[in-house]
Amino acid sequence: MNAQVLSTMICGIFAIAAALGAILLKVFFNRSEAGESMPPAASAINPYEPPPVPGTLIESRPAEPLTKPSNLSRKVLLIPITTVVVGTVLGIVSRLLRPYAYVGGTHYEALAAFAVLILGCLILINLNRLGHGFLGQLLYQLENLAMWSGFACGWSLIHGSFWEDMIAVSIAWWFCCSVLGGALLAVFQWRRRRTVAI
């Protein structure tokens, strides 16, 4: 197996594993949240109380149904899958445009791709700032990894050979977005907790 195939496979595995990890976390959190909000079965019917009269029966019915939607909803799947797809497509487009966007010693396609990836990180921060503390941080880190790994996978797929400079640059940018994005997300979460407490 040559280095290009191996690097593409490794980047793709990282991207898919990170997206699956984010999906599993969301499913687990939705299930635990649904379990906490459901009332215990014993409190629904008390055999020692007389049945309510019809007028109060209508008033005592809950306004919202007790059943929750499926945990594997579009909301759970959308963000992790989108991060992988956007990262991979961006890597493919960036590599395809590389021969045409090299002007005056500058790779404008790489600058544009990194600007879009950083914008993607900011969107992920905004989407996960309402998450519950560590869970929001973990989801951001997994989705950020999925996006950057997808980018490296798409780029390596089109390049045709292993190029360690691109992998090193992708890892460096992913790490910066991971650390700085995580810190920015922590600030947003702290401000949100503070405003809720007030």
N, C-alpha and C. Protein backbone atom coordinates (compact mmCIF):
# COMPACT_ATOMS: atom_id res chain seq x y z
N MET A 1 0.86 -1.20 0.00
CA MET A 1 0.00 0.00 0.00
C MET A 1 0.89 1.24 0.00
N ASN A 2 0.66 2.16 -0.97
CA ASN A 2 1.53 3.33 -1.04
C ASN A 2 1.13 4.39 -0.02
N ALA A 3 2.01 5.37 0.13
CA ALA A 3 1.83 6.37 1.19
C ALA A 3 0.60 7.23 0.97
N GLN A 4 0.26 7.51 -0.31
CA GLN A 4 -0.90 8.36 -0.59
C GLN A 4 -2.19 7.69 -0.14
N VAL A 5 -2.33 6.41 -0.46
CA VAL A 5 -3.53 5.67 -0.05
C VAL A 5 -3.60 5.59 1.47
N LEU A 6 -2.45 5.31 2.10
CA LEU A 6 -2.41 5.19 3.55
C LEU A 6 -2.77 6.50 4.24
N SER A 7 -2.21 7.61 3.77
CA SER A 7 -2.51 8.91 4.41
C SER A 7 -3.97 9.28 4.21
N THR A 8 -4.52 8.98 3.02
CA THR A 8 -5.93 9.27 2.77
C THR A 8 -6.83 8.45 3.68
N MET A 9 -6.48 7.16 3.82
CA MET A 9 -7.28 6.28 4.68
C MET A 9 -7.22 6.71 6.14
N ILE A 10 -6.03 7.07 6.62
CA ILE A 10 -5.88 7.47 8.02
C ILE A 10 -6.68 8.75 8.29
N CYS A 11 -6.58 9.73 7.39
CA CYS A 11 -7.34 10.98 7.57
C CYS A 11 -8.84 10.71 7.52
N GLY A 12 -9.27 9.84 6.59
CA GLY A 12 -10.68 9.51 6.49
C GLY A 12 -11.19 8.79 7.72
N ILE A 13 -10.38 7.88 8.27
CA ILE A 13 -10.77 7.15 9.49
C ILE A 13 -10.92 8.11 10.65
N PHE A 14 -9.98 9.05 10.78
CA PHE A 14 -10.08 10.05 11.86
C PHE A 14 -11.34 10.89 11.70
N ALA A 15 -11.65 11.31 10.47
CA ALA A 15 -12.83 12.15 10.23
C ALA A 15 -14.11 11.40 10.57
N ILE A 16 -14.22 10.16 10.11
CA ILE A 16 -15.44 9.38 10.36
C ILE A 16 -15.56 9.02 11.83
N ALA A 17 -14.44 8.64 12.46
CA ALA A 17 -14.48 8.28 13.88
C ALA A 17 -14.89 9.48 14.74
N ALA A 18 -14.38 10.66 14.41
CA ALA A 18 -14.74 11.85 15.19
C ALA A 18 -16.22 12.19 15.01
N ALA A 19 -16.72 12.08 13.77
CA ALA A 19 -18.14 12.36 13.53
C ALA A 19 -19.03 11.34 14.25
N LEU A 20 -18.65 10.06 14.19
CA LEU A 20 -19.43 9.02 14.90
C LEU A 20 -19.39 9.25 16.40
N GLY A 21 -18.23 9.66 16.92
CA GLY A 21 -18.14 9.96 18.35
C GLY A 21 -19.08 11.09 18.76
N ALA A 22 -19.16 12.13 17.92
CA ALA A 22 -20.07 13.25 18.21
C ALA A 22 -21.53 12.79 18.17
N ILE A 23 -21.87 11.94 17.19
CA ILE A 23 -23.24 11.43 17.08
C ILE A 23 -23.59 10.58 18.30
N LEU A 24 -22.69 9.69 18.70
CA LEU A 24 -22.95 8.83 19.86
C LEU A 24 -23.11 9.65 21.14
N LEU A 25 -22.29 10.68 21.30
CA LEU A 25 -22.42 11.56 22.48
C LEU A 25 -23.78 12.25 22.51
N LYS A 26 -24.21 12.74 21.35
CA LYS A 26 -25.50 13.42 21.30
C LYS A 26 -26.65 12.45 21.59
N VAL A 27 -26.56 11.24 21.05
CA VAL A 27 -27.60 10.24 21.30
C VAL A 27 -27.65 9.89 22.79
N PHE A 28 -26.47 9.68 23.39
CA PHE A 28 -26.40 9.34 24.82
C PHE A 28 -26.97 10.48 25.66
N PHE A 29 -26.60 11.72 25.33
CA PHE A 29 -27.08 12.86 26.10
C PHE A 29 -28.59 13.03 25.94
N ASN A 30 -29.11 12.85 24.72
CA ASN A 30 -30.56 12.96 24.51
C ASN A 30 -31.32 11.90 25.29
N ARG A 31 -30.77 10.69 25.35
CA ARG A 31 -31.43 9.62 26.11
C ARG A 31 -31.44 9.91 27.60
N SER A 32 -30.30 10.36 28.12
CA SER A 32 -30.24 10.64 29.55
C SER A 32 -31.13 11.83 29.90
N GLU A 33 -31.20 12.83 29.01
CA GLU A 33 -32.05 13.99 29.26
C GLU A 33 -33.53 13.59 29.20
N ALA A 34 -33.89 12.69 28.27
CA ALA A 34 -35.27 12.23 28.16
C ALA A 34 -35.65 11.40 29.38
N GLY A 35 -34.71 10.61 29.90
CA GLY A 35 -34.97 9.80 31.09
C GLY A 35 -35.20 10.65 32.32
N GLU A 36 -34.48 11.77 32.43
CA GLU A 36 -34.65 12.66 33.58
C GLU A 36 -35.98 13.40 33.52
N SER A 37 -36.45 13.73 32.32
CA SER A 37 -37.67 14.54 32.21
C SER A 37 -38.94 13.71 32.32
N MET A 38 -38.87 12.39 32.15
CA MET A 38 -40.06 11.55 32.26
C MET A 38 -40.43 11.36 33.73
N PRO A 39 -41.70 11.52 34.08
CA PRO A 39 -42.10 11.31 35.48
C PRO A 39 -42.09 9.84 35.83
N PRO A 40 -41.87 9.49 37.11
CA PRO A 40 -41.90 8.09 37.49
C PRO A 40 -43.29 7.51 37.27
N ALA A 41 -43.34 6.21 36.94
CA ALA A 41 -44.61 5.56 36.61
C ALA A 41 -45.55 5.51 37.81
N ALA A 42 -45.00 5.39 39.01
CA ALA A 42 -45.84 5.25 40.20
C ALA A 42 -46.63 6.52 40.49
N SER A 43 -46.08 7.69 40.11
CA SER A 43 -46.76 8.93 40.43
C SER A 43 -47.91 9.22 39.47
N ALA A 44 -48.02 8.48 38.37
CA ALA A 44 -49.06 8.76 37.39
C ALA A 44 -50.43 8.34 37.91
N ILE A 45 -50.52 7.19 38.57
CA ILE A 45 -51.82 6.69 39.07
C ILE A 45 -51.66 6.35 40.54
N ASN A 46 -52.52 6.91 41.36
CA ASN A 46 -52.53 6.61 42.79
C ASN A 46 -53.81 5.84 43.09
N PRO A 47 -53.71 4.56 43.46
CA PRO A 47 -54.93 3.76 43.68
C PRO A 47 -55.70 4.21 44.92
N TYR A 48 -55.10 5.00 45.81
CA TYR A 48 -55.78 5.42 47.03
C TYR A 48 -56.52 6.74 46.89
N GLU A 49 -56.40 7.38 45.75
CA GLU A 49 -57.13 8.62 45.51
C GLU A 49 -58.36 8.35 44.67
N PRO A 50 -59.45 9.06 44.95
CA PRO A 50 -60.62 8.88 44.08
C PRO A 50 -60.33 9.44 42.69
N PRO A 51 -60.97 8.90 41.67
CA PRO A 51 -60.73 9.42 40.32
C PRO A 51 -61.19 10.86 40.22
N PRO A 52 -60.53 11.65 39.42
CA PRO A 52 -60.91 13.07 39.30
C PRO A 52 -62.24 13.21 38.57
N VAL A 53 -62.91 14.30 38.90
CA VAL A 53 -64.17 14.58 38.22
C VAL A 53 -63.86 15.05 36.80
N PRO A 54 -64.80 14.90 35.85
CA PRO A 54 -64.49 15.22 34.46
C PRO A 54 -63.96 16.63 34.22
N GLY A 55 -64.43 17.64 34.96
CA GLY A 55 -63.94 19.01 34.76
C GLY A 55 -62.47 19.15 35.09
N THR A 56 -62.04 18.56 36.19
CA THR A 56 -60.63 18.66 36.57
C THR A 56 -59.77 17.73 35.75
N LEU A 57 -60.35 16.69 35.17
CA LEU A 57 -59.59 15.76 34.33
C LEU A 57 -59.04 16.47 33.10
N ILE A 58 -59.87 17.33 32.52
CA ILE A 58 -59.43 18.06 31.33
C ILE A 58 -58.32 19.04 31.70
N GLU A 59 -58.45 19.71 32.86
CA GLU A 59 -57.45 20.69 33.26
C GLU A 59 -56.13 20.04 33.65
N SER A 60 -56.17 18.81 34.19
CA SER A 60 -54.95 18.20 34.69
C SER A 60 -54.15 17.47 33.62
N ARG A 61 -54.66 17.41 32.40
CA ARG A 61 -53.91 16.74 31.34
C ARG A 61 -52.67 17.56 31.00
N PRO A 62 -51.55 16.89 30.75
CA PRO A 62 -50.33 17.64 30.41
C PRO A 62 -50.49 18.30 29.05
N ALA A 63 -49.89 19.48 28.93
CA ALA A 63 -49.98 20.25 27.69
C ALA A 63 -49.14 19.63 26.59
N GLU A 64 -48.00 18.99 26.96
CA GLU A 64 -47.10 18.42 25.97
C GLU A 64 -47.14 16.91 26.09
N PRO A 65 -47.00 16.21 24.98
CA PRO A 65 -46.96 14.74 25.05
C PRO A 65 -45.71 14.28 25.78
N LEU A 66 -45.81 13.15 26.49
CA LEU A 66 -44.69 12.63 27.26
C LEU A 66 -43.68 11.89 26.38
N THR A 67 -44.11 11.48 25.18
CA THR A 67 -43.19 10.75 24.32
C THR A 67 -42.21 11.72 23.69
N LYS A 68 -40.98 11.28 23.60
CA LYS A 68 -39.93 12.09 23.01
C LYS A 68 -39.67 11.61 21.58
N PRO A 69 -39.17 12.50 20.70
CA PRO A 69 -38.82 12.05 19.35
C PRO A 69 -37.63 11.12 19.39
N SER A 70 -37.39 10.45 18.28
CA SER A 70 -36.28 9.51 18.18
C SER A 70 -34.96 10.21 18.48
N ASN A 71 -34.06 9.49 19.20
CA ASN A 71 -32.76 10.07 19.55
C ASN A 71 -31.86 10.24 18.33
N LEU A 72 -32.10 9.44 17.28
CA LEU A 72 -31.28 9.54 16.08
C LEU A 72 -31.99 10.44 15.06
N SER A 73 -32.20 11.68 15.43
CA SER A 73 -32.94 12.62 14.59
C SER A 73 -31.98 13.35 13.65
N ARG A 74 -32.58 14.15 12.78
CA ARG A 74 -31.77 14.95 11.85
C ARG A 74 -30.85 15.92 12.59
N LYS A 75 -31.34 16.46 13.69
CA LYS A 75 -30.55 17.42 14.47
C LYS A 75 -29.27 16.77 15.01
N VAL A 76 -29.37 15.50 15.40
CA VAL A 76 -28.21 14.79 15.94
C VAL A 76 -27.21 14.48 14.83
N LEU A 77 -27.70 14.09 13.65
CA LEU A 77 -26.83 13.66 12.57
C LEU A 77 -26.28 14.81 11.74
N LEU A 78 -27.00 15.92 11.66
CA LEU A 78 -26.69 16.97 10.70
C LEU A 78 -25.30 17.57 10.88
N ILE A 79 -24.97 18.03 12.07
CA ILE A 79 -23.71 18.77 12.25
C ILE A 79 -22.49 17.86 12.06
N PRO A 80 -22.41 16.67 12.71
CA PRO A 80 -21.21 15.84 12.49
C PRO A 80 -21.02 15.42 11.04
N ILE A 81 -22.10 15.04 10.35
CA ILE A 81 -21.96 14.62 8.95
C ILE A 81 -21.58 15.81 8.08
N THR A 82 -22.17 16.98 8.36
CA THR A 82 -21.85 18.18 7.58
C THR A 82 -20.38 18.55 7.73
N THR A 83 -19.83 18.42 8.94
CA THR A 83 -18.42 18.80 9.13
C THR A 83 -17.50 17.91 8.29
N VAL A 84 -17.79 16.61 8.24
CA VAL A 84 -16.96 15.70 7.43
C VAL A 84 -17.10 16.03 5.95
N VAL A 85 -18.33 16.21 5.50
CA VAL A 85 -18.58 16.47 4.07
C VAL A 85 -17.95 17.80 3.66
N VAL A 86 -18.17 18.86 4.45
CA VAL A 86 -17.61 20.17 4.10
C VAL A 86 -16.08 20.11 4.08
N GLY A 87 -15.48 19.50 5.09
CA GLY A 87 -14.02 19.39 5.13
C GLY A 87 -13.47 18.62 3.94
N THR A 88 -14.09 17.49 3.61
CA THR A 88 -13.61 16.66 2.50
C THR A 88 -13.77 17.37 1.16
N VAL A 89 -14.93 17.95 0.92
CA VAL A 89 -15.17 18.66 -0.34
C VAL A 89 -14.23 19.86 -0.47
N LEU A 90 -14.00 20.56 0.63
CA LEU A 90 -13.09 21.70 0.61
C LEU A 90 -11.66 21.25 0.29
N GLY A 91 -11.24 20.11 0.84
CA GLY A 91 -9.92 19.58 0.52
C GLY A 91 -9.79 19.20 -0.95
N ILE A 92 -10.83 18.59 -1.50
CA ILE A 92 -10.81 18.20 -2.91
C ILE A 92 -10.75 19.44 -3.80
N VAL A 93 -11.61 20.42 -3.53
CA VAL A 93 -11.65 21.65 -4.34
C VAL A 93 -10.34 22.41 -4.22
N SER A 94 -9.80 22.48 -3.01
CA SER A 94 -8.54 23.20 -2.80
C SER A 94 -7.40 22.58 -3.62
N ARG A 95 -7.34 21.26 -3.62
CA ARG A 95 -6.26 20.59 -4.38
C ARG A 95 -6.47 20.71 -5.89
N LEU A 96 -7.73 20.66 -6.33
CA LEU A 96 -8.00 20.80 -7.76
C LEU A 96 -7.66 22.21 -8.26
N LEU A 97 -7.86 23.22 -7.42
CA LEU A 97 -7.57 24.60 -7.82
C LEU A 97 -6.11 25.01 -7.62
N ARG A 98 -5.34 24.15 -6.99
CA ARG A 98 -3.96 24.50 -6.65
C ARG A 98 -3.13 24.97 -7.84
N PRO A 99 -3.17 24.29 -9.01
CA PRO A 99 -2.34 24.76 -10.13
C PRO A 99 -2.78 26.12 -10.69
N TYR A 100 -4.05 26.48 -10.48
CA TYR A 100 -4.58 27.70 -11.10
C TYR A 100 -4.56 28.90 -10.15
N ALA A 101 -4.45 28.65 -8.85
CA ALA A 101 -4.55 29.75 -7.88
C ALA A 101 -3.20 30.15 -7.31
N TYR A 102 -2.13 29.61 -7.86
CA TYR A 102 -0.78 29.97 -7.40
C TYR A 102 -0.33 31.21 -8.16
N VAL A 103 -0.36 32.36 -7.47
CA VAL A 103 -0.02 33.63 -8.13
C VAL A 103 1.01 34.36 -7.28
N GLY A 104 2.11 34.69 -7.91
CA GLY A 104 3.15 35.48 -7.23
C GLY A 104 3.71 34.82 -5.98
N GLY A 105 3.84 33.51 -6.01
CA GLY A 105 4.41 32.79 -4.87
C GLY A 105 3.43 32.53 -3.73
N THR A 106 2.16 32.82 -3.92
CA THR A 106 1.15 32.61 -2.88
C THR A 106 0.09 31.65 -3.38
N HIS A 107 -0.25 30.68 -2.54
CA HIS A 107 -1.32 29.73 -2.85
C HIS A 107 -2.63 30.29 -2.30
N TYR A 108 -3.35 30.99 -3.15
CA TYR A 108 -4.60 31.62 -2.72
C TYR A 108 -5.69 30.60 -2.41
N GLU A 109 -5.63 29.45 -3.07
CA GLU A 109 -6.64 28.41 -2.79
C GLU A 109 -6.47 27.87 -1.37
N ALA A 110 -5.22 27.78 -0.90
CA ALA A 110 -4.97 27.30 0.47
C ALA A 110 -5.43 28.35 1.48
N LEU A 111 -5.17 29.62 1.20
CA LEU A 111 -5.62 30.68 2.10
C LEU A 111 -7.15 30.72 2.18
N ALA A 112 -7.80 30.57 1.03
CA ALA A 112 -9.26 30.56 1.02
C ALA A 112 -9.81 29.35 1.77
N ALA A 113 -9.19 28.19 1.57
CA ALA A 113 -9.64 26.97 2.27
C ALA A 113 -9.48 27.12 3.78
N PHE A 114 -8.35 27.66 4.22
CA PHE A 114 -8.15 27.83 5.66
C PHE A 114 -9.11 28.87 6.23
N ALA A 115 -9.43 29.90 5.45
CA ALA A 115 -10.40 30.90 5.93
C ALA A 115 -11.78 30.25 6.10
N VAL A 116 -12.17 29.39 5.16
CA VAL A 116 -13.47 28.71 5.28
C VAL A 116 -13.45 27.75 6.46
N LEU A 117 -12.34 27.04 6.68
CA LEU A 117 -12.24 26.11 7.80
C LEU A 117 -12.30 26.85 9.14
N ILE A 118 -11.65 28.00 9.22
CA ILE A 118 -11.72 28.79 10.46
C ILE A 118 -13.14 29.32 10.69
N LEU A 119 -13.80 29.74 9.60
CA LEU A 119 -15.21 30.14 9.70
C LEU A 119 -16.06 28.96 10.19
N GLY A 120 -15.75 27.75 9.68
CA GLY A 120 -16.45 26.55 10.15
C GLY A 120 -16.24 26.32 11.64
N CYS A 121 -15.03 26.56 12.12
CA CYS A 121 -14.76 26.42 13.56
C CYS A 121 -15.58 27.42 14.37
N LEU A 122 -15.68 28.65 13.88
CA LEU A 122 -16.47 29.66 14.58
C LEU A 122 -17.95 29.28 14.61
N ILE A 123 -18.44 28.70 13.52
CA ILE A 123 -19.83 28.23 13.49
C ILE A 123 -20.02 27.09 14.50
N LEU A 124 -19.05 26.16 14.57
CA LEU A 124 -19.14 25.06 15.53
C LEU A 124 -19.11 25.58 16.97
N ILE A 125 -18.31 26.61 17.22
CA ILE A 125 -18.28 27.22 18.56
C ILE A 125 -19.66 27.78 18.90
N ASN A 126 -20.25 28.50 17.94
CA ASN A 126 -21.56 29.09 18.16
C ASN A 126 -22.63 28.01 18.39
N LEU A 127 -22.55 26.91 17.65
CA LEU A 127 -23.54 25.84 17.80
C LEU A 127 -23.40 25.10 19.12
N ASN A 128 -22.17 24.99 19.62
CA ASN A 128 -21.92 24.22 20.84
C ASN A 128 -21.86 25.07 22.11
N ARG A 129 -22.02 26.39 21.99
CA ARG A 129 -21.92 27.23 23.18
C ARG A 129 -23.09 27.03 24.13
N LEU A 130 -24.21 26.51 23.60
CA LEU A 130 -25.36 26.23 24.46
C LEU A 130 -25.27 24.84 25.09
N GLY A 131 -24.24 24.08 24.73
CA GLY A 131 -24.05 22.74 25.29
C GLY A 131 -23.74 22.81 26.77
N HIS A 132 -23.95 21.71 27.45
CA HIS A 132 -23.78 21.66 28.90
C HIS A 132 -22.30 21.42 29.25
N GLY A 133 -21.57 22.50 29.52
CA GLY A 133 -20.21 22.44 30.03
C GLY A 133 -19.27 21.57 29.21
N PHE A 134 -18.82 20.49 29.82
CA PHE A 134 -17.82 19.63 29.20
C PHE A 134 -18.35 18.96 27.94
N LEU A 135 -19.66 18.66 27.91
CA LEU A 135 -20.25 18.03 26.73
C LEU A 135 -20.13 18.94 25.51
N GLY A 136 -20.40 20.23 25.67
CA GLY A 136 -20.25 21.18 24.56
C GLY A 136 -18.81 21.25 24.07
N GLN A 137 -17.87 21.23 25.01
CA GLN A 137 -16.45 21.24 24.64
C GLN A 137 -16.07 19.98 23.86
N LEU A 138 -16.52 18.83 24.35
CA LEU A 138 -16.17 17.56 23.71
C LEU A 138 -16.77 17.48 22.31
N LEU A 139 -18.02 17.91 22.16
CA LEU A 139 -18.66 17.91 20.84
C LEU A 139 -17.91 18.84 19.88
N TYR A 140 -17.52 20.01 20.37
CA TYR A 140 -16.77 20.93 19.51
C TYR A 140 -15.45 20.29 19.06
N GLN A 141 -14.73 19.68 20.01
CA GLN A 141 -13.43 19.10 19.67
C GLN A 141 -13.57 17.97 18.64
N LEU A 142 -14.60 17.13 18.81
CA LEU A 142 -14.81 16.03 17.87
C LEU A 142 -15.20 16.55 16.49
N GLU A 143 -16.09 17.52 16.45
CA GLU A 143 -16.53 18.06 15.15
C GLU A 143 -15.41 18.85 14.47
N ASN A 144 -14.60 19.55 15.25
CA ASN A 144 -13.44 20.25 14.71
C ASN A 144 -12.45 19.25 14.11
N LEU A 145 -12.19 18.15 14.82
CA LEU A 145 -11.29 17.11 14.30
C LEU A 145 -11.86 16.49 13.03
N ALA A 146 -13.18 16.25 13.00
CA ALA A 146 -13.80 15.66 11.82
C ALA A 146 -13.63 16.57 10.61
N MET A 147 -13.78 17.87 10.81
CA MET A 147 -13.67 18.81 9.69
C MET A 147 -12.24 18.89 9.14
N TRP A 148 -11.26 19.03 10.03
CA TRP A 148 -9.87 19.13 9.57
C TRP A 148 -9.36 17.81 9.01
N SER A 149 -9.76 16.68 9.59
CA SER A 149 -9.36 15.38 9.04
C SER A 149 -10.00 15.15 7.68
N GLY A 150 -11.26 15.57 7.53
CA GLY A 150 -11.92 15.47 6.24
C GLY A 150 -11.20 16.30 5.19
N PHE A 151 -10.76 17.50 5.58
CA PHE A 151 -10.00 18.35 4.64
C PHE A 151 -8.72 17.65 4.19
N ALA A 152 -7.96 17.10 5.14
CA ALA A 152 -6.72 16.41 4.80
C ALA A 152 -6.98 15.18 3.94
N CYS A 153 -8.09 14.48 4.22
CA CYS A 153 -8.46 13.30 3.44
C CYS A 153 -8.78 13.67 2.00
N GLY A 154 -9.62 14.69 1.81
CA GLY A 154 -9.97 15.12 0.45
C GLY A 154 -8.77 15.63 -0.32
N TRP A 155 -7.91 16.38 0.34
CA TRP A 155 -6.72 16.93 -0.32
C TRP A 155 -5.78 15.80 -0.74
N SER A 156 -5.54 14.85 0.17
CA SER A 156 -4.63 13.74 -0.13
C SER A 156 -5.19 12.84 -1.22
N LEU A 157 -6.51 12.70 -1.25
CA LEU A 157 -7.16 11.85 -2.25
C LEU A 157 -6.87 12.35 -3.66
N ILE A 158 -6.89 13.64 -3.87
CA ILE A 158 -6.68 14.22 -5.20
C ILE A 158 -5.18 14.38 -5.51
N HIS A 159 -4.37 14.62 -4.49
CA HIS A 159 -2.95 14.91 -4.73
C HIS A 159 -2.22 13.76 -5.39
N GLY A 160 -2.51 12.54 -5.00
CA GLY A 160 -1.90 11.38 -5.65
C GLY A 160 -0.62 10.89 -5.00
N SER A 161 -0.10 11.62 -4.04
CA SER A 161 1.09 11.15 -3.31
C SER A 161 1.09 11.78 -1.92
N PHE A 162 1.84 11.18 -1.02
CA PHE A 162 1.90 11.68 0.35
C PHE A 162 2.75 12.95 0.37
N TRP A 163 2.20 14.01 0.91
CA TRP A 163 2.95 15.26 1.04
C TRP A 163 2.88 15.68 2.50
N GLU A 164 4.00 15.47 3.18
CA GLU A 164 4.02 15.66 4.64
C GLU A 164 3.82 17.12 5.05
N ASP A 165 4.18 18.08 4.18
CA ASP A 165 3.98 19.49 4.53
C ASP A 165 2.51 19.81 4.72
N MET A 166 1.65 19.30 3.83
CA MET A 166 0.22 19.58 3.94
C MET A 166 -0.36 18.93 5.20
N ILE A 167 0.06 17.70 5.49
CA ILE A 167 -0.43 17.02 6.69
C ILE A 167 0.03 17.79 7.93
N ALA A 168 1.28 18.23 7.94
CA ALA A 168 1.81 18.97 9.10
C ALA A 168 1.07 20.30 9.28
N VAL A 169 0.80 21.00 8.18
CA VAL A 169 0.08 22.27 8.26
C VAL A 169 -1.35 22.04 8.75
N SER A 170 -2.00 20.97 8.26
CA SER A 170 -3.37 20.66 8.70
C SER A 170 -3.40 20.34 10.19
N ILE A 171 -2.42 19.57 10.65
CA ILE A 171 -2.37 19.23 12.08
C ILE A 171 -2.14 20.48 12.92
N ALA A 172 -1.25 21.35 12.46
CA ALA A 172 -0.96 22.59 13.20
C ALA A 172 -2.21 23.48 13.29
N TRP A 173 -2.93 23.65 12.17
CA TRP A 173 -4.14 24.47 12.17
C TRP A 173 -5.24 23.83 13.00
N TRP A 174 -5.37 22.50 12.90
CA TRP A 174 -6.37 21.80 13.73
C TRP A 174 -6.07 22.03 15.21
N PHE A 175 -4.80 21.91 15.59
CA PHE A 175 -4.42 22.09 16.99
C PHE A 175 -4.71 23.52 17.47
N CYS A 176 -4.38 24.50 16.63
CA CYS A 176 -4.66 25.91 17.00
C CYS A 176 -6.16 26.13 17.16
N CYS A 177 -6.95 25.61 16.22
CA CYS A 177 -8.41 25.77 16.32
C CYS A 177 -8.96 25.00 17.52
N SER A 178 -8.33 23.89 17.85
CA SER A 178 -8.77 23.11 19.00
C SER A 178 -8.53 23.88 20.30
N VAL A 179 -7.33 24.43 20.46
CA VAL A 179 -6.98 25.13 21.70
C VAL A 179 -7.69 26.48 21.79
N LEU A 180 -7.52 27.31 20.76
CA LEU A 180 -8.12 28.65 20.80
C LEU A 180 -9.64 28.59 20.73
N GLY A 181 -10.17 27.67 19.91
CA GLY A 181 -11.62 27.51 19.83
C GLY A 181 -12.21 27.00 21.13
N GLY A 182 -11.51 26.06 21.76
CA GLY A 182 -11.96 25.55 23.05
C GLY A 182 -11.97 26.64 24.11
N ALA A 183 -10.94 27.50 24.09
CA ALA A 183 -10.89 28.61 25.05
C ALA A 183 -12.02 29.60 24.80
N LEU A 184 -12.27 29.93 23.52
CA LEU A 184 -13.36 30.85 23.19
C LEU A 184 -14.71 30.27 23.57
N LEU A 185 -14.88 28.98 23.33
CA LEU A 185 -16.13 28.31 23.71
C LEU A 185 -16.31 28.33 25.22
N ALA A 186 -15.23 28.13 25.98
CA ALA A 186 -15.31 28.17 27.44
C ALA A 186 -15.74 29.56 27.92
N VAL A 187 -15.25 30.61 27.26
CA VAL A 187 -15.64 31.97 27.63
C VAL A 187 -17.13 32.18 27.37
N PHE A 188 -17.61 31.73 26.20
CA PHE A 188 -19.04 31.86 25.89
C PHE A 188 -19.89 31.09 26.90
N GLN A 189 -19.47 29.87 27.25
CA GLN A 189 -20.23 29.07 28.21
C GLN A 189 -20.23 29.72 29.59
N TRP A 190 -19.09 30.28 29.99
CA TRP A 190 -19.00 30.94 31.30
C TRP A 190 -19.93 32.16 31.33
N ARG A 191 -19.93 32.96 30.25
CA ARG A 191 -20.81 34.13 30.20
C ARG A 191 -22.28 33.73 30.22
N ARG A 192 -22.60 32.63 29.55
CA ARG A 192 -23.99 32.18 29.54
C ARG A 192 -24.43 31.72 30.92
N ARG A 193 -23.56 30.96 31.61
CA ARG A 193 -23.89 30.52 32.99
C ARG A 193 -24.05 31.71 33.90
N ARG A 194 -23.22 32.71 33.72
CA ARG A 194 -23.28 33.90 34.57
C ARG A 194 -24.57 34.68 34.35
N THR A 195 -25.00 34.84 33.09
CA THR A 195 -26.24 35.54 32.82
C THR A 195 -27.46 34.77 33.29
N VAL A 196 -27.39 33.42 33.20
CA VAL A 196 -28.52 32.59 33.71
C VAL A 196 -28.60 32.70 35.21
N ALA A 197 -27.45 32.73 35.90
CA ALA A 197 -27.42 32.82 37.36
C ALA A 197 -27.97 34.16 37.83
N ILE A 198 -27.76 35.22 37.06
CA ILE A 198 -28.26 36.54 37.45
C ILE A 198 -29.76 36.59 37.18
